[in-house]
Amino acid sequence: MAVSHHRSAEATPHDSFTRVITLAGGLDADQRARLLQIAEMCPVHRMLTAGSAISTSLTP
């Protein structure tokens, strides 16, 4: 997983995070979607989204 952060005083919210998750193994589309759904429920993710924007994507 890779995470980047950008802060902009002009934007609301000021902090923006981009998270890219790499999944290994022979996973089908439903399994990949479910793992992405679980990642969105992470307690740290939930805390950050309360005051930050987070963009998440999976590598091909």
Protein backbone atom coordinates (compact mmCIF):
# COMPACT_ATOMS: atom_id res chain seq x y z
CA MET A 1 0.00 0.00 0.00
CA ALA A 2 1.18 3.52 -0.75
CA VAL A 3 -0.24 6.69 0.77
CA SER A 4 0.43 10.25 -0.26
CA HIS A 5 -0.66 13.44 1.48
CA HIS A 6 -1.33 16.92 0.18
CA ARG A 7 -2.27 19.97 2.25
CA SER A 8 -3.94 23.04 0.77
CA ALA A 9 -5.09 26.00 2.83
CA GLU A 10 -7.55 26.94 0.05
CA ALA A 11 -9.27 23.54 -0.11
CA THR A 12 -11.89 22.11 2.23
CA PRO A 13 -10.89 19.87 3.83
CA HIS A 14 -7.30 21.12 4.01
CA ASP A 15 -5.76 17.63 4.01
CA SER A 16 -6.12 15.17 1.16
CA PHE A 17 -4.79 11.61 1.20
CA THR A 18 -4.43 9.26 -1.76
CA ARG A 19 -4.17 5.56 -0.94
CA VAL A 20 -3.22 2.92 -3.52
CA ILE A 21 -3.63 -0.70 -2.44
CA THR A 22 -1.83 -3.54 -4.22
CA LEU A 23 -3.48 -6.96 -3.90
CA ALA A 24 -1.46 -10.08 -4.70
CA GLY A 25 -2.76 -13.47 -5.74
CA GLY A 26 -5.46 -14.78 -8.00
CA LEU A 27 -8.42 -12.73 -6.80
CA ASP A 28 -11.56 -12.31 -8.84
CA ALA A 29 -13.38 -9.00 -9.21
CA ASP A 30 -15.82 -9.75 -6.35
CA GLN A 31 -12.97 -10.59 -3.96
CA ARG A 32 -11.09 -7.41 -4.92
CA ALA A 33 -14.23 -5.33 -4.42
CA ARG A 34 -14.84 -6.90 -0.99
CA LEU A 35 -11.27 -6.22 0.15
CA LEU A 36 -11.62 -2.60 -0.99
CA GLN A 37 -14.87 -2.37 0.96
CA ILE A 38 -13.10 -3.70 4.09
CA ALA A 39 -10.27 -1.18 3.63
CA GLU A 40 -12.84 1.63 3.64
CA MET A 41 -14.07 0.47 7.09
CA CYS A 42 -10.61 0.66 8.70
CA PRO A 43 -10.77 2.65 11.99
CA VAL A 44 -7.88 4.91 10.92
CA HIS A 45 -9.59 5.56 7.58
CA ARG A 46 -12.82 6.46 9.36
CA MET A 47 -11.00 8.86 11.69
CA LEU A 48 -9.22 10.59 8.83
CA THR A 49 -12.32 10.91 6.65
CA ALA A 50 -14.03 12.82 9.43
CA GLY A 51 -11.71 15.75 8.61
CA SER A 52 -9.81 14.74 5.46
CA ALA A 53 -10.50 13.63 1.92
CA ILE A 54 -9.18 10.18 0.99
CA SER A 55 -9.02 8.77 -2.51
CA THR A 56 -8.47 4.98 -2.84
CA SER A 57 -7.73 2.86 -5.88
CA LEU A 58 -6.49 -0.65 -6.62
CA THR A 59 -3.53 -1.42 -8.88
CA PRO A 60 -4.44 -3.53 -11.91
